């Protein structure tokens, strides 16, 4: 068996990072929703009256 070269290490690191992000994507909870942004009184849309 030949000794691994630089590209084998880069490929292994890329696969490890991809798997780590995939696991973190399913393990970590989602971020809470952002609060609604206040609108200006004269703006069109739903704003304070």
Protein backbone atom coordinates (compact mmCIF):
# COMPACT_ATOMS: atom_id res chain seq x y z
CA UNK A 1 0.00 0.00 0.00
CA UNK A 2 1.39 3.38 -0.99
CA UNK A 3 1.82 6.24 1.42
CA UNK A 4 -1.05 8.83 1.29
CA UNK A 5 -0.08 12.05 -0.46
CA UNK A 6 -1.21 15.65 0.07
CA UNK A 7 -4.38 15.26 -2.02
CA UNK A 8 -5.49 12.26 0.06
CA UNK A 9 -5.25 14.40 3.20
CA UNK A 10 -7.13 17.29 1.54
CA UNK A 11 -9.86 14.92 0.37
CA UNK A 12 -10.16 13.38 3.83
CA UNK A 13 -10.38 16.81 5.45
CA UNK A 14 -13.04 17.91 2.94
CA UNK A 15 -15.12 14.79 3.58
CA UNK A 16 -14.75 15.23 7.37
CA UNK A 17 -15.88 18.88 7.21
CA UNK A 18 -18.85 17.96 5.00
CA UNK A 19 -19.94 15.22 7.39
CA UNK A 20 -19.48 17.52 10.42
CA UNK A 21 -21.66 20.24 8.82
CA UNK A 22 -24.29 17.66 7.84
CA UNK A 23 -24.43 16.31 11.41
CA UNK A 24 -24.56 19.83 12.91
CA UNK A 25 -27.37 20.73 10.50
CA UNK A 26 -29.60 17.98 11.89
CA UNK A 27 -28.48 18.12 15.55
CA UNK A 28 -28.56 21.85 16.33
CA UNK A 29 -31.94 23.55 16.90
CA UNK A 30 -33.09 26.18 14.42
CA UNK A 31 -32.63 29.88 15.16
CA UNK A 32 -35.60 31.69 16.73
CA UNK A 33 -37.66 33.82 14.34
CA UNK A 34 -36.70 37.46 14.04
CA UNK A 35 -39.03 40.00 15.67
CA UNK A 36 -41.09 42.10 13.26
CA UNK A 37 -39.43 45.33 12.22
CA UNK A 38 -41.22 48.52 13.29
CA UNK A 39 -42.48 50.68 10.44
CA UNK A 40 -42.53 54.44 10.20
CA UNK A 41 -45.86 56.17 10.96
CA UNK A 42 -46.17 57.64 7.43
CA UNK A 43 -45.13 54.50 5.59
CA UNK A 44 -47.49 52.46 3.45
CA UNK A 45 -48.45 49.18 5.07
CA UNK A 46 -49.27 48.01 8.52
CA UNK A 47 -47.85 50.48 10.96
CA UNK A 48 -48.84 52.14 14.20
CA UNK A 49 -51.80 54.45 13.77
